[in-house]
Amino acid sequence: MNPEQVVTLGRNAMETALWVAAPVLLVVTAVSVLISIVQVLTSIQDPAISAVPRLAAVAATVFFLMHWILRRLVGFTIHSFSDFRPWVR
């Protein structure tokens, strides 16, 4: 396996990881900002108030996007293993 193939495989893996993680990270960021604003306005600094909605947002996002995430990951895996001959040289 030459260096160009390693770089291409790594780039495709990183791109797939970015596409899979980006929606979850964007939702959690938005929820965190909203929670922070509410905590500043109400002066409630309980850690449970900030942790539970974030966890719920992650769970809901992953639940609703699971089909898309699995399709992305399976597509990457099939594309990586479909023609294995260039990787063995």
PDB file of N, CA and C in Angstrom:
ATOM      1  N   MET A   1       0.859  -1.167   0.000  1.00  0.00           N
ATOM      2  CA  MET A   1       0.000   0.000   0.000  1.00  0.00           C
ATOM      3  C   MET A   1       0.904   1.228   0.000  1.00  0.00           C
ATOM      4  N   ASN A   2       0.720   2.060  -0.997  1.00  0.00           N
ATOM      5  CA  ASN A   2       1.578   3.247  -1.083  1.00  0.00           C
ATOM      6  C   ASN A   2       0.995   4.397  -0.254  1.00  0.00           C
ATOM      7  N   PRO A   3       1.791   5.424  -0.023  1.00  0.00           N
ATOM      8  CA  PRO A   3       1.343   6.522   0.851  1.00  0.00           C
ATOM      9  C   PRO A   3       0.088   7.244   0.352  1.00  0.00           C
ATOM     10  N   GLU A   4      -0.085   7.339  -0.962  1.00  0.00           N
ATOM     11  CA  GLU A   4      -1.286   8.018  -1.485  1.00  0.00           C
ATOM     12  C   GLU A   4      -2.556   7.270  -1.104  1.00  0.00           C
ATOM     13  N   GLN A   5      -2.481   5.944  -1.133  1.00  0.00           N
ATOM     14  CA  GLN A   5      -3.650   5.145  -0.756  1.00  0.00           C
ATOM     15  C   GLN A   5      -3.962   5.287   0.735  1.00  0.00           C
ATOM     16  N   VAL A   6      -2.913   5.345   1.537  1.00  0.00           N
ATOM     17  CA  VAL A   6      -3.114   5.522   2.985  1.00  0.00           C
ATOM     18  C   VAL A   6      -3.758   6.879   3.260  1.00  0.00           C
ATOM     19  N   VAL A   7      -3.265   7.904   2.572  1.00  0.00           N
ATOM     20  CA  VAL A   7      -3.824   9.249   2.760  1.00  0.00           C
ATOM     21  C   VAL A   7      -5.276   9.290   2.291  1.00  0.00           C
ATOM     22  N   THR A   8      -5.579   8.661   1.166  1.00  0.00           N
ATOM     23  CA  THR A   8      -6.951   8.639   0.651  1.00  0.00           C
ATOM     24  C   THR A   8      -7.880   7.900   1.610  1.00  0.00           C
ATOM     25  N   LEU A   9      -7.437   6.756   2.095  1.00  0.00           N
ATOM     26  CA  LEU A   9      -8.256   5.997   3.036  1.00  0.00           C
ATOM     27  C   LEU A   9      -8.470   6.780   4.331  1.00  0.00           C
ATOM     28  N   GLY A  10      -7.416   7.397   4.841  1.00  0.00           N
ATOM     29  CA  GLY A  10      -7.543   8.210   6.054  1.00  0.00           C
ATOM     30  C   GLY A  10      -8.444   9.412   5.850  1.00  0.00           C
ATOM     31  N   ARG A  11      -8.307  10.062   4.688  1.00  0.00           N
ATOM     32  CA  ARG A  11      -9.151  11.223   4.382  1.00  0.00           C
ATOM     33  C   ARG A  11     -10.622  10.817   4.298  1.00  0.00           C
ATOM     34  N   ASN A  12     -10.899   9.694   3.651  1.00  0.00           N
ATOM     35  CA  ASN A  12     -12.284   9.224   3.552  1.00  0.00           C
ATOM     36  C   ASN A  12     -12.844   8.853   4.923  1.00  0.00           C
ATOM     37  N   ALA A  13     -12.018   8.246   5.757  1.00  0.00           N
ATOM     38  CA  ALA A  13     -12.467   7.888   7.109  1.00  0.00           C
ATOM     39  C   ALA A  13     -12.761   9.132   7.928  1.00  0.00           C
ATOM     40  N   MET A  14     -11.869  10.129   7.853  1.00  0.00           N
ATOM     41  CA  MET A  14     -12.090  11.374   8.607  1.00  0.00           C
ATOM     42  C   MET A  14     -13.312  12.125   8.086  1.00  0.00           C
ATOM     43  N   GLU A  15     -13.509  12.125   6.777  1.00  0.00           N
ATOM     44  CA  GLU A  15     -14.673  12.794   6.200  1.00  0.00           C
ATOM     45  C   GLU A  15     -15.966  12.118   6.642  1.00  0.00           C
ATOM     46  N   THR A  16     -15.975  10.802   6.656  1.00  0.00           N
ATOM     47  CA  THR A  16     -17.157  10.073   7.107  1.00  0.00           C
ATOM     48  C   THR A  16     -17.424  10.331   8.590  1.00  0.00           C
ATOM     49  N   ALA A  17     -16.370  10.334   9.397  1.00  0.00           N
ATOM     50  CA  ALA A  17     -16.535  10.617  10.826  1.00  0.00           C
ATOM     51  C   ALA A  17     -17.073  12.022  11.050  1.00  0.00           C
ATOM     52  N   LEU A  18     -16.604  12.977  10.268  1.00  0.00           N
ATOM     53  CA  LEU A  18     -17.088  14.353  10.386  1.00  0.00           C
ATOM     54  C   LEU A  18     -18.563  14.446  10.018  1.00  0.00           C
ATOM     55  N   TRP A  19     -18.954  13.811   8.915  1.00  0.00           N
ATOM     56  CA  TRP A  19     -20.354  13.854   8.495  1.00  0.00           C
ATOM     57  C   TRP A  19     -21.269  13.169   9.502  1.00  0.00           C
ATOM     58  N   VAL A  20     -20.791  12.112  10.145  1.00  0.00           N
ATOM     59  CA  VAL A  20     -21.623  11.397  11.118  1.00  0.00           C
ATOM     60  C   VAL A  20     -21.733  12.186  12.420  1.00  0.00           C
ATOM     61  N   ALA A  21     -20.649  12.806  12.851  1.00  0.00           N
ATOM     62  CA  ALA A  21     -20.643  13.492  14.141  1.00  0.00           C
ATOM     63  C   ALA A  21     -21.195  14.914  14.075  1.00  0.00           C
ATOM     64  N   ALA A  22     -21.139  15.559  12.929  1.00  0.00           N
ATOM     65  CA  ALA A  22     -21.518  16.971  12.823  1.00  0.00           C
ATOM     66  C   ALA A  22     -22.954  17.264  13.266  1.00  0.00           C
ATOM     67  N   PRO A  23     -23.963  16.516  12.828  1.00  0.00           N
ATOM     68  CA  PRO A  23     -25.330  16.845  13.277  1.00  0.00           C
ATOM     69  C   PRO A  23     -25.499  16.750  14.785  1.00  0.00           C
ATOM     70  N   VAL A  24     -24.902  15.734  15.387  1.00  0.00           N
ATOM     71  CA  VAL A  24     -25.024  15.566  16.837  1.00  0.00           C
ATOM     72  C   VAL A  24     -24.323  16.718  17.551  1.00  0.00           C
ATOM     73  N   LEU A  25     -23.139  17.075  17.095  1.00  0.00           N
ATOM     74  CA  LEU A  25     -22.404  18.172  17.726  1.00  0.00           C
ATOM     75  C   LEU A  25     -23.124  19.509  17.567  1.00  0.00           C
ATOM     76  N   LEU A  26     -23.725  19.742  16.416  1.00  0.00           N
ATOM     77  CA  LEU A  26     -24.463  20.994  16.208  1.00  0.00           C
ATOM     78  C   LEU A  26     -25.684  21.084  17.125  1.00  0.00           C
ATOM     79  N   VAL A  27     -26.410  19.997  17.271  1.00  0.00           N
ATOM     80  CA  VAL A  27     -27.589  19.998  18.145  1.00  0.00           C
ATOM     81  C   VAL A  27     -27.165  20.203  19.596  1.00  0.00           C
ATOM     82  N   VAL A  28     -26.118  19.506  20.027  1.00  0.00           N
ATOM     83  CA  VAL A  28     -25.666  19.648  21.412  1.00  0.00           C
ATOM     84  C   VAL A  28     -25.144  21.051  21.678  1.00  0.00           C
ATOM     85  N   THR A  29     -24.472  21.647  20.704  1.00  0.00           N
ATOM     86  CA  THR A  29     -23.994  23.016  20.868  1.00  0.00           C
ATOM     87  C   THR A  29     -25.160  23.988  21.018  1.00  0.00           C
ATOM     88  N   ALA A  30     -26.169  23.830  20.175  1.00  0.00           N
ATOM     89  CA  ALA A  30     -27.337  24.714  20.269  1.00  0.00           C
ATOM     90  C   ALA A  30     -28.060  24.541  21.604  1.00  0.00           C
ATOM     91  N   VAL A  31     -28.231  23.309  22.041  1.00  0.00           N
ATOM     92  CA  VAL A  31     -28.892  23.059  23.317  1.00  0.00           C
ATOM     93  C   VAL A  31     -28.062  23.624  24.469  1.00  0.00           C
ATOM     94  N   SER A  32     -26.750  23.480  24.402  1.00  0.00           N
ATOM     95  CA  SER A  32     -25.880  24.004  25.463  1.00  0.00           C
ATOM     96  C   SER A  32     -25.957  25.524  25.556  1.00  0.00           C
ATOM     97  N   VAL A  33     -25.993  26.179  24.403  1.00  0.00           N
ATOM     98  CA  VAL A  33     -26.095  27.647  24.415  1.00  0.00           C
ATOM     99  C   VAL A  33     -27.429  28.077  25.017  1.00  0.00           C
ATOM    100  N   LEU A  34     -28.505  27.403  24.636  1.00  0.00           N
ATOM    101  CA  LEU A  34     -29.816  27.747  25.190  1.00  0.00           C
ATOM    102  C   LEU A  34     -29.864  27.509  26.701  1.00  0.00           C
ATOM    103  N   ILE A  35     -29.301  26.403  27.140  1.00  0.00           N
ATOM    104  CA  ILE A  35     -29.289  26.111  28.570  1.00  0.00           C
ATOM    105  C   ILE A  35     -28.446  27.143  29.320  1.00  0.00           C
ATOM    106  N   SER A  36     -27.331  27.516  28.757  1.00  0.00           N
ATOM    107  CA  SER A  36     -26.474  28.520  29.400  1.00  0.00           C
ATOM    108  C   SER A  36     -27.186  29.861  29.518  1.00  0.00           C
ATOM    109  N   ILE A  37     -27.906  30.243  28.482  1.00  0.00           N
ATOM    110  CA  ILE A  37     -28.662  31.500  28.528  1.00  0.00           C
ATOM    111  C   ILE A  37     -29.733  31.440  29.612  1.00  0.00           C
ATOM    112  N   VAL A  38     -30.446  30.326  29.684  1.00  0.00           N
ATOM    113  CA  VAL A  38     -31.486  30.174  30.702  1.00  0.00           C
ATOM    114  C   VAL A  38     -30.875  30.183  32.097  1.00  0.00           C
ATOM    115  N   GLN A  39     -29.738  29.529  32.265  1.00  0.00           N
ATOM    116  CA  GLN A  39     -29.099  29.518  33.584  1.00  0.00           C
ATOM    117  C   GLN A  39     -28.603  30.902  33.983  1.00  0.00           C
ATOM    118  N   VAL A  40     -28.111  31.671  33.054  1.00  0.00           N
ATOM    119  CA  VAL A  40     -27.671  33.029  33.380  1.00  0.00           C
ATOM    120  C   VAL A  40     -28.865  33.899  33.748  1.00  0.00           C
ATOM    121  N   LEU A  41     -29.957  33.757  33.010  1.00  0.00           N
ATOM    122  CA  LEU A  41     -31.133  34.582  33.282  1.00  0.00           C
ATOM    123  C   LEU A  41     -31.810  34.225  34.601  1.00  0.00           C
ATOM    124  N   THR A  42     -31.782  32.957  34.971  1.00  0.00           N
ATOM    125  CA  THR A  42     -32.473  32.535  36.193  1.00  0.00           C
ATOM    126  C   THR A  42     -31.543  32.354  37.387  1.00  0.00           C
ATOM    127  N   SER A  43     -30.255  32.422  37.195  1.00  0.00           N
ATOM    128  CA  SER A  43     -29.244  32.232  38.248  1.00  0.00           C
ATOM    129  C   SER A  43     -29.315  30.854  38.897  1.00  0.00           C
ATOM    130  N   ILE A  44     -29.787  29.876  38.160  1.00  0.00           N
ATOM    131  CA  ILE A  44     -29.795  28.492  38.638  1.00  0.00           C
ATOM    132  C   ILE A  44     -28.566  27.808  38.058  1.00  0.00           C
ATOM    133  N   GLN A  45     -27.684  27.321  38.927  1.00  0.00           N
ATOM    134  CA  GLN A  45     -26.429  26.739  38.475  1.00  0.00           C
ATOM    135  C   GLN A  45     -26.322  25.255  38.813  1.00  0.00           C
ATOM    136  N   ASP A  46     -27.421  24.545  38.828  1.00  0.00           N
ATOM    137  CA  ASP A  46     -27.420  23.120  39.132  1.00  0.00           C
ATOM    138  C   ASP A  46     -26.847  22.332  37.955  1.00  0.00           C
ATOM    139  N   PRO A  47     -25.860  21.469  38.188  1.00  0.00           N
ATOM    140  CA  PRO A  47     -25.266  20.719  37.080  1.00  0.00           C
ATOM    141  C   PRO A  47     -26.244  19.768  36.389  1.00  0.00           C
ATOM    142  N   ALA A  48     -27.211  19.270  37.130  1.00  0.00           N
ATOM    143  CA  ALA A  48     -28.180  18.355  36.521  1.00  0.00           C
ATOM    144  C   ALA A  48     -29.037  19.070  35.483  1.00  0.00           C
ATOM    145  N   ILE A  49     -29.298  20.338  35.704  1.00  0.00           N
ATOM    146  CA  ILE A  49     -30.115  21.097  34.756  1.00  0.00           C
ATOM    147  C   ILE A  49     -29.394  21.255  33.424  1.00  0.00           C
ATOM    148  N   SER A  50     -28.081  21.265  33.433  1.00  0.00           N
ATOM    149  CA  SER A  50     -27.353  21.397  32.169  1.00  0.00           C
ATOM    150  C   SER A  50     -27.026  20.044  31.557  1.00  0.00           C
ATOM    151  N   ALA A  51     -26.865  18.992  32.352  1.00  0.00           N
ATOM    152  CA  ALA A  51     -26.449  17.700  31.817  1.00  0.00           C
ATOM    153  C   ALA A  51     -27.607  16.908  31.214  1.00  0.00           C
ATOM    154  N   VAL A  52     -28.733  16.894  31.882  1.00  0.00           N
ATOM    155  CA  VAL A  52     -29.850  16.065  31.437  1.00  0.00           C
ATOM    156  C   VAL A  52     -30.385  16.502  30.070  1.00  0.00           C
ATOM    157  N   PRO A  53     -30.626  17.782  29.809  1.00  0.00           N
ATOM    158  CA  PRO A  53     -31.100  18.152  28.468  1.00  0.00           C
ATOM    159  C   PRO A  53     -30.081  17.859  27.360  1.00  0.00           C
ATOM    160  N   ARG A  54     -28.796  17.989  27.672  1.00  0.00           N
ATOM    161  CA  ARG A  54     -27.774  17.659  26.669  1.00  0.00           C
ATOM    162  C   ARG A  54     -27.816  16.179  26.326  1.00  0.00           C
ATOM    163  N   LEU A  55     -27.899  15.339  27.355  1.00  0.00           N
ATOM    164  CA  LEU A  55     -27.987  13.902  27.110  1.00  0.00           C
ATOM    165  C   LEU A  55     -29.258  13.550  26.340  1.00  0.00           C
ATOM    166  N   ALA A  56     -30.348  14.195  26.679  1.00  0.00           N
ATOM    167  CA  ALA A  56     -31.604  13.950  25.968  1.00  0.00           C
ATOM    168  C   ALA A  56     -31.500  14.406  24.515  1.00  0.00           C
ATOM    169  N   ALA A  57     -30.825  15.527  24.277  1.00  0.00           N
ATOM    170  CA  ALA A  57     -30.646  16.013  22.909  1.00  0.00           C
ATOM    171  C   ALA A  57     -29.787  15.063  22.087  1.00  0.00           C
ATOM    172  N   VAL A  58     -28.725  14.539  22.688  1.00  0.00           N
ATOM    173  CA  VAL A  58     -27.882  13.562  21.989  1.00  0.00           C
ATOM    174  C   VAL A  58     -28.685  12.305  21.671  1.00  0.00           C
ATOM    175  N   ALA A  59     -29.423  11.806  22.653  1.00  0.00           N
ATOM    176  CA  ALA A  59     -30.211  10.591  22.443  1.00  0.00           C
ATOM    177  C   ALA A  59     -31.265  10.794  21.357  1.00  0.00           C
ATOM    178  N   ALA A  60     -31.957  11.916  21.386  1.00  0.00           N
ATOM    179  CA  ALA A  60     -32.990  12.179  20.378  1.00  0.00           C
ATOM    180  C   ALA A  60     -32.382  12.342  18.989  1.00  0.00           C
ATOM    181  N   THR A  61     -31.263  13.035  18.906  1.00  0.00           N
ATOM    182  CA  THR A  61     -30.616  13.234  17.616  1.00  0.00           C
ATOM    183  C   THR A  61     -30.135  11.912  17.035  1.00  0.00           C
ATOM    184  N   VAL A  62     -29.497  11.108  17.858  1.00  0.00           N
ATOM    185  CA  VAL A  62     -29.017   9.810  17.370  1.00  0.00           C
ATOM    186  C   VAL A  62     -30.196   8.917  17.004  1.00  0.00           C
ATOM    187  N   PHE A  63     -31.259   8.961  17.784  1.00  0.00           N
ATOM    188  CA  PHE A  63     -32.442   8.144  17.483  1.00  0.00           C
ATOM    189  C   PHE A  63     -33.040   8.523  16.130  1.00  0.00           C
ATOM    190  N   PHE A  64     -33.207   9.813  15.884  1.00  0.00           N
ATOM    191  CA  PHE A  64     -33.838  10.238  14.638  1.00  0.00           C
ATOM    192  C   PHE A  64     -32.917  10.139  13.424  1.00  0.00           C
ATOM    193  N   LEU A  65     -31.626  10.216  13.634  1.00  0.00           N
ATOM    194  CA  LEU A  65     -30.682  10.155  12.511  1.00  0.00           C
ATOM    195  C   LEU A  65     -29.997   8.800  12.371  1.00  0.00           C
ATOM    196  N   MET A  66     -30.406   7.797  13.145  1.00  0.00           N
ATOM    197  CA  MET A  66     -29.727   6.510  13.120  1.00  0.00           C
ATOM    198  C   MET A  66     -29.735   5.879  11.731  1.00  0.00           C
ATOM    199  N   HIS A  67     -30.836   5.971  11.024  1.00  0.00           N
ATOM    200  CA  HIS A  67     -30.910   5.392   9.678  1.00  0.00           C
ATOM    201  C   HIS A  67     -29.892   6.053   8.757  1.00  0.00           C
ATOM    202  N   TRP A  68     -29.818   7.366   8.795  1.00  0.00           N
ATOM    203  CA  TRP A  68     -28.870   8.103   7.959  1.00  0.00           C
ATOM    204  C   TRP A  68     -27.427   7.798   8.368  1.00  0.00           C
ATOM    205  N   ILE A  69     -27.168   7.747   9.671  1.00  0.00           N
ATOM    206  CA  ILE A  69     -25.808   7.466  10.162  1.00  0.00           C
ATOM    207  C   ILE A  69     -25.374   6.064   9.727  1.00  0.00           C
ATOM    208  N   LEU A  70     -26.236   5.084   9.896  1.00  0.00           N
ATOM    209  CA  LEU A  70     -25.888   3.722   9.489  1.00  0.00           C
ATOM    210  C   LEU A  70     -25.688   3.618   7.991  1.00  0.00           C
ATOM    211  N   ARG A  71     -26.516   4.322   7.205  1.00  0.00           N
ATOM    212  CA  ARG A  71     -26.346   4.317   5.753  1.00  0.00           C
ATOM    213  C   ARG A  71     -24.993   4.892   5.361  1.00  0.00           C
ATOM    214  N   ARG A  72     -24.583   5.991   6.031  1.00  0.00           N
ATOM    215  CA  ARG A  72     -23.271   6.597   5.766  1.00  0.00           C
ATOM    216  C   ARG A  72     -22.139   5.633   6.093  1.00  0.00           C
ATOM    217  N   LEU A  73     -22.206   5.009   7.279  1.00  0.00           N
ATOM    218  CA  LEU A  73     -21.144   4.100   7.712  1.00  0.00           C
ATOM    219  C   LEU A  73     -21.083   2.836   6.852  1.00  0.00           C
ATOM    220  N   VAL A  74     -22.229   2.288   6.496  1.00  0.00           N
ATOM    221  CA  VAL A  74     -22.245   1.109   5.640  1.00  0.00           C
ATOM    222  C   VAL A  74     -21.732   1.461   4.252  1.00  0.00           C
ATOM    223  N   GLY A  75     -22.101   2.627   3.741  1.00  0.00           N
ATOM    224  CA  GLY A  75     -21.590   3.060   2.438  1.00  0.00           C
ATOM    225  C   GLY A  75     -20.081   3.211   2.443  1.00  0.00           C
ATOM    226  N   PHE A  76     -19.533   3.776   3.523  1.00  0.00           N
ATOM    227  CA  PHE A  76     -18.081   3.910   3.630  1.00  0.00           C
ATOM    228  C   PHE A  76     -17.417   2.548   3.685  1.00  0.00           C
ATOM    229  N   THR A  77     -17.985   1.629   4.459  1.00  0.00           N
ATOM    230  CA  THR A  77     -17.403   0.299   4.590  1.00  0.00           C
ATOM    231  C   THR A  77     -17.457  -0.460   3.270  1.00  0.00           C
ATOM    232  N   ILE A  78     -18.586  -0.411   2.600  1.00  0.00           N
ATOM    233  CA  ILE A  78     -18.714  -1.097   1.317  1.00  0.00           C
ATOM    234  C   ILE A  78     -17.763  -0.490   0.290  1.00  0.00           C
ATOM    235  N   HIS A  79     -17.666   0.834   0.276  1.00  0.00           N
ATOM    236  CA  HIS A  79     -16.752   1.493  -0.659  1.00  0.00           C
ATOM    237  C   HIS A  79     -15.299   1.126  -0.366  1.00  0.00           C
ATOM    238  N   SER A  80     -14.949   1.010   0.909  1.00  0.00           N
ATOM    239  CA  SER A  80     -13.572   0.675   1.281  1.00  0.00           C
ATOM    240  C   SER A  80     -13.215  -0.763   0.922  1.00  0.00           C
ATOM    241  N   PHE A  81     -14.170  -1.687   1.097  1.00  0.00           N
ATOM    242  CA  PHE A  81     -13.877  -3.106   0.876  1.00  0.00           C
ATOM    243  C   PHE A  81     -14.346  -3.618  -0.482  1.00  0.00           C
ATOM    244  N   SER A  82     -14.981  -2.774  -1.310  1.00  0.00           N
ATOM    245  CA  SER A  82     -15.524  -3.270  -2.572  1.00  0.00           C
ATOM    246  C   SER A  82     -14.429  -3.723  -3.533  1.00  0.00           C
ATOM    247  N   ASP A  83     -13.384  -2.964  -3.660  1.00  0.00           N
ATOM    248  CA  ASP A  83     -12.271  -3.356  -4.513  1.00  0.00           C
ATOM    249  C   ASP A  83     -11.023  -3.403  -3.649  1.00  0.00           C
ATOM    250  N   PHE A  84     -10.731  -4.577  -3.133  1.00  0.00           N
ATOM    251  CA  PHE A  84      -9.663  -4.726  -2.153  1.00  0.00           C
ATOM    252  C   PHE A  84      -8.291  -4.897  -2.808  1.00  0.00           C
ATOM    253  N   ARG A  85      -8.249  -5.147  -4.112  1.00  0.00           N
ATOM    254  CA  ARG A  85      -6.974  -5.410  -4.780  1.00  0.00           C
ATOM    255  C   ARG A  85      -5.966  -4.261  -4.674  1.00  0.00           C
ATOM    256  N   PRO A  86      -6.351  -2.984  -4.817  1.00  0.00           N
ATOM    257  CA  PRO A  86      -5.318  -1.925  -4.709  1.00  0.00           C
ATOM    258  C   PRO A  86      -4.701  -1.819  -3.327  1.00  0.00           C
ATOM    259  N   TRP A  87      -5.403  -2.265  -2.298  1.00  0.00           N
ATOM    260  CA  TRP A  87      -4.883  -2.114  -0.935  1.00  0.00           C
ATOM    261  C   TRP A  87      -3.873  -3.217  -0.598  1.00  0.00           C
ATOM    262  N   VAL A  88      -3.876  -4.333  -1.345  1.00  0.00           N
ATOM    263  CA  VAL A  88      -3.022  -5.455  -0.997  1.00  0.00           C
ATOM    264  C   VAL A  88      -1.636  -5.362  -1.641  1.00  0.00           C
ATOM    265  N   ARG A  89      -1.494  -4.600  -2.673  1.00  0.00           N
ATOM    266  CA  ARG A  89      -0.193  -4.515  -3.352  1.00  0.00           C
ATOM    267  C   ARG A  89       0.870  -3.918  -2.505  1.00  0.00           C
TER     268      ARG A  89
END
